[in-house]
Protein backbone atom coordinates (compact mmCIF):
# COMPACT_ATOMS: atom_id res chain seq x y z
CA MET A 1 97.86 93.06 150.71
CA LYS A 2 99.20 92.94 147.02
CA THR A 3 100.97 95.72 145.42
CA LEU A 4 100.88 96.46 141.55
CA ARG A 5 104.38 95.20 141.49
CA ASP A 6 103.50 92.10 143.15
CA LYS A 7 100.64 91.97 140.54
CA GLY A 8 102.40 92.20 137.67
CA GLU A 9 105.30 90.16 138.92
CA GLU A 10 102.25 87.15 139.66
CA PHE A 11 101.10 87.69 135.62
CA ALA A 12 104.72 87.86 134.33
CA ILE A 13 105.16 84.76 132.57
CA ASP A 14 108.22 84.03 129.42
CA LYS A 15 106.58 83.97 126.17
CA HIS A 16 103.24 85.58 127.34
CA PRO A 17 101.98 88.91 126.44
CA ALA A 18 102.55 91.89 129.34
CA VAL A 19 99.50 92.30 131.55
CA TYR A 20 98.27 95.03 134.26
CA VAL A 21 99.52 97.68 131.92
CA SER A 22 97.53 100.71 131.76
CA HIS A 23 97.40 102.89 128.41
CA TYR A 24 99.82 105.41 130.10
CA GLY A 25 102.17 102.76 130.83
CA SER A 26 102.30 101.19 127.46
CA LEU A 27 102.94 104.95 126.76
CA ALA A 28 105.62 104.95 128.73
CA TYR A 29 106.83 101.86 127.40
CA SER A 30 107.22 103.04 124.00
CA LEU A 31 108.98 106.69 124.75
CA TRP A 32 111.42 103.88 126.53
CA LEU A 33 111.74 101.68 123.89
CA ASN A 34 112.21 104.89 121.36
CA GLN A 35 114.90 106.42 123.87
CA GLN A 36 116.78 102.86 123.78
CA THR A 37 117.06 102.20 120.31
CA ILE A 38 117.43 105.44 118.92
CA ALA A 39 120.55 104.68 117.06
CA GLU A 40 119.64 101.49 115.65
CA ARG A 41 115.94 103.01 114.23
CA ALA A 42 117.91 105.28 112.55
CA ARG A 43 120.28 103.06 110.84
CA LEU A 44 117.85 100.74 109.90
CA GLY A 45 115.36 103.72 108.72
CA LEU A 46 112.85 103.13 111.01
CA GLY A 47 110.23 106.09 112.44
CA VAL A 48 109.14 105.28 116.21
CA PHE A 49 107.40 102.90 117.91
CA ARG A 50 103.98 103.60 119.28
CA LEU A 51 100.13 102.36 119.71
CA PRO A 52 98.81 101.76 116.33
CA THR A 53 95.46 103.43 115.84
CA GLU A 54 92.08 101.09 116.11
CA ALA A 55 91.87 101.43 112.41
CA GLU A 56 95.34 99.89 111.69
CA TRP A 57 94.78 97.54 114.66
CA GLU A 58 91.48 96.34 112.65
CA GLY A 59 93.00 96.92 109.39
CA ALA A 60 96.08 94.34 110.65
CA ALA A 61 93.93 92.18 111.83
CA ARG A 62 91.23 92.15 108.78
CA GLY A 63 94.32 90.78 106.25
CA PRO A 64 95.32 92.67 103.41
CA GLU A 65 91.98 92.24 101.70
CA GLY A 66 89.74 93.76 104.56
CA THR A 67 88.16 89.94 104.20
CA PHE A 68 88.71 88.51 107.60
CA GLU A 69 85.83 89.07 110.07
CA TRP A 70 88.79 87.46 112.78
CA GLY A 71 91.67 88.12 113.65
CA THR A 72 92.79 84.32 112.65
CA SER A 73 94.99 82.48 110.51
CA THR A 74 91.52 81.31 108.61
CA GLY A 75 88.92 83.72 109.12
CA GLU A 76 87.03 82.11 111.08
CA LEU A 77 86.88 81.68 115.18
CA SER A 78 87.63 78.36 117.11
CA HIS A 79 89.38 77.44 120.16
CA GLU A 80 91.82 76.18 118.11
CA LEU A 81 92.35 79.23 116.69
CA ALA A 82 92.00 82.01 119.63
CA HIS A 83 92.61 82.21 123.02
CA TYR A 84 88.94 82.71 124.77
CA ASP A 85 86.84 81.72 127.93
CA ALA A 86 89.75 80.32 129.74
CA GLU A 87 91.38 80.53 132.72
CA ALA A 88 95.08 81.68 131.92
CA THR A 89 96.59 83.60 129.28
CA ALA A 90 98.37 81.62 126.25
CA PRO A 91 101.92 81.80 125.37
CA VAL A 92 102.49 84.13 121.78
CA GLY A 93 101.77 82.04 118.58
CA SER A 94 101.05 78.62 120.70
CA LYS A 95 97.80 77.58 119.05
CA PRO A 96 98.70 76.81 115.35
CA GLY A 97 95.87 78.96 114.09
CA ILE A 98 96.57 82.32 115.89
CA LEU A 99 99.65 82.93 113.24
CA TYR A 100 98.26 84.91 111.18
CA GLY A 101 100.11 84.31 107.53
CA ALA A 102 97.14 86.80 105.58
CA ALA A 103 98.53 89.90 107.52
CA THR A 104 102.33 90.17 106.21
CA LEU A 105 104.24 93.02 105.76
CA SER A 106 105.18 93.75 102.03
CA GLY A 107 108.18 95.56 100.78
CA ILE A 108 110.21 94.90 104.36
CA PRO A 109 113.74 95.46 102.97
CA GLU A 110 116.34 92.50 104.30
CA GLU A 111 118.48 94.26 106.41
CA LEU A 112 115.12 94.94 108.72
CA LYS A 113 113.98 91.10 108.24
CA PRO A 114 115.47 89.91 111.54
CA TYR A 115 114.03 92.68 113.78
CA LEU A 116 110.62 92.62 112.50
CA ASP A 117 108.42 89.87 112.39
CA GLU A 118 106.67 89.35 108.96
CA LYS A 119 103.34 87.52 110.67
CA LEU A 120 101.07 88.85 113.24
CA PHE A 121 99.58 86.54 116.78
CA ASP A 122 97.02 87.14 118.97
CA MET A 123 94.59 89.12 117.60
CA ALA A 124 91.70 87.69 118.97
CA GLY A 125 91.72 86.71 122.41
CA ASN A 126 94.36 86.32 124.55
CA VAL A 127 94.33 89.94 125.76
CA TRP A 128 92.51 92.65 125.35
CA GLU A 129 95.29 95.92 123.43
CA TRP A 130 95.17 99.11 123.79
CA THR A 131 94.99 101.66 120.40
CA ALA A 132 95.87 105.00 120.38
CA ASP A 133 92.28 106.49 120.04
CA TRP A 134 89.46 107.82 122.27
CA TYR A 135 86.30 106.14 121.81
CA GLY A 136 84.13 108.17 119.68
CA ALA A 137 82.93 108.31 116.14
CA TYR A 138 85.07 108.06 113.75
CA GLU A 139 85.69 111.09 111.01
CA MET A 140 84.99 108.85 108.09
CA VAL A 141 84.98 111.17 105.31
CA ARG A 142 87.63 114.38 104.82
CA ASN A 143 87.29 117.15 102.19
CA GLY A 144 85.12 114.65 100.06
CA LYS A 145 86.96 112.01 100.44
CA VAL A 146 86.83 108.79 102.54
CA LEU A 147 89.40 107.74 104.77
CA GLU A 148 91.32 104.62 104.69
CA TYR A 149 92.56 104.59 108.56
CA PRO A 150 90.18 107.47 109.95
CA THR A 151 91.07 108.40 113.44
CA GLY A 152 89.12 108.81 116.59
CA PRO A 153 88.41 111.77 118.34
CA VAL A 154 91.30 114.60 120.17
CA LEU A 155 90.04 114.76 123.14
CA GLY A 156 88.08 112.13 125.21
CA GLN A 157 87.34 110.29 128.28
CA TRP A 158 87.77 106.60 127.56
CA ARG A 159 90.57 104.99 125.17
CA VAL A 160 89.46 101.94 122.77
CA LEU A 161 90.91 98.50 122.96
CA ARG A 162 90.23 95.58 120.30
CA GLY A 163 90.75 92.63 120.12
CA GLY A 164 89.01 90.37 123.21
CA SER A 165 90.68 88.56 125.84
CA LEU A 166 90.80 85.09 127.59
CA TYR A 167 88.30 86.06 129.82
CA SER A 168 85.75 86.99 126.89
CA VAL A 169 82.84 84.19 126.97
CA ASP A 170 81.04 85.61 123.92
CA PRO A 171 83.06 85.10 121.00
CA GLY A 172 81.37 88.18 119.26
CA VAL A 173 83.76 90.65 121.50
CA LEU A 174 86.74 88.99 119.19
CA ARG A 175 85.36 90.08 116.09
CA ALA A 176 88.09 92.41 114.14
CA ALA A 177 85.08 95.12 114.25
CA PHE A 178 84.50 95.30 118.14
CA ARG A 179 84.91 98.24 119.98
CA ASN A 180 85.97 98.03 123.95
CA LEU A 181 87.25 101.15 126.16
CA ASP A 182 88.15 102.23 129.48
CA LEU A 183 90.06 104.47 131.05
CA PRO A 184 93.58 105.40 130.45
CA ASP A 185 94.59 104.68 133.89
CA TYR A 186 93.01 101.08 134.50
CA ARG A 187 95.10 98.30 134.58
CA GLY A 188 93.58 94.96 134.43
CA ASN A 189 94.94 91.31 133.95
CA ASP A 190 93.78 90.92 130.88
CA PHE A 191 94.18 94.49 129.62
CA GLY A 192 97.55 94.59 127.19
CA PHE A 193 98.92 95.96 124.28
CA ARG A 194 101.14 95.47 121.02
CA LEU A 195 103.35 98.38 119.32
CA ALA A 196 103.71 99.17 115.95
CA VAL A 197 106.31 101.16 114.20
CA SER A 198 105.95 104.08 111.73
CA PRO A 199 108.11 104.51 108.73
CA GLY A 200 111.15 105.85 108.91
CA THR A 201 112.20 110.13 107.10
CA PRO A 202 114.25 108.89 103.98
């Protein structure tokens, strides 16, 4: 019988997304990374590494104008632009359309550019990505104002995943707005994560 460690090693392929990671595992990794980079983050003026909220994830996938239904460079979906309905993960950025230039980061100080990629890869397909939010209804309005980045409930049973995966047969689940959910301790060979970094304090 294979252990989880064996499964992880079986799927540990250079340049491919990490898989078999639970929500708890992604949080543990972000804590470890924050501990390893305290001095560097302070020097560069960065905050902490963390999972993005699902609203942040969707905002990045849709691009700065919010017009892209799919997290791809053209806003359309095809096998040339996203990795889905496949048998194995693809290397990050291996398909030309996966490079999503519309979601570039603006205002990055020159000294930070070697540490941060200005473009996002694989927002549609490859692996489902854990977000920080519990699954539930969004709080869309607070004090009479529409929230730009609403968050999910404070507590819950299920965590939200976004982006679809290599096993997604229905292209509809790769839409930027599609929400998936699972228990936070679940690990799957198409479950992974991406980290965001919070702004530092001046």
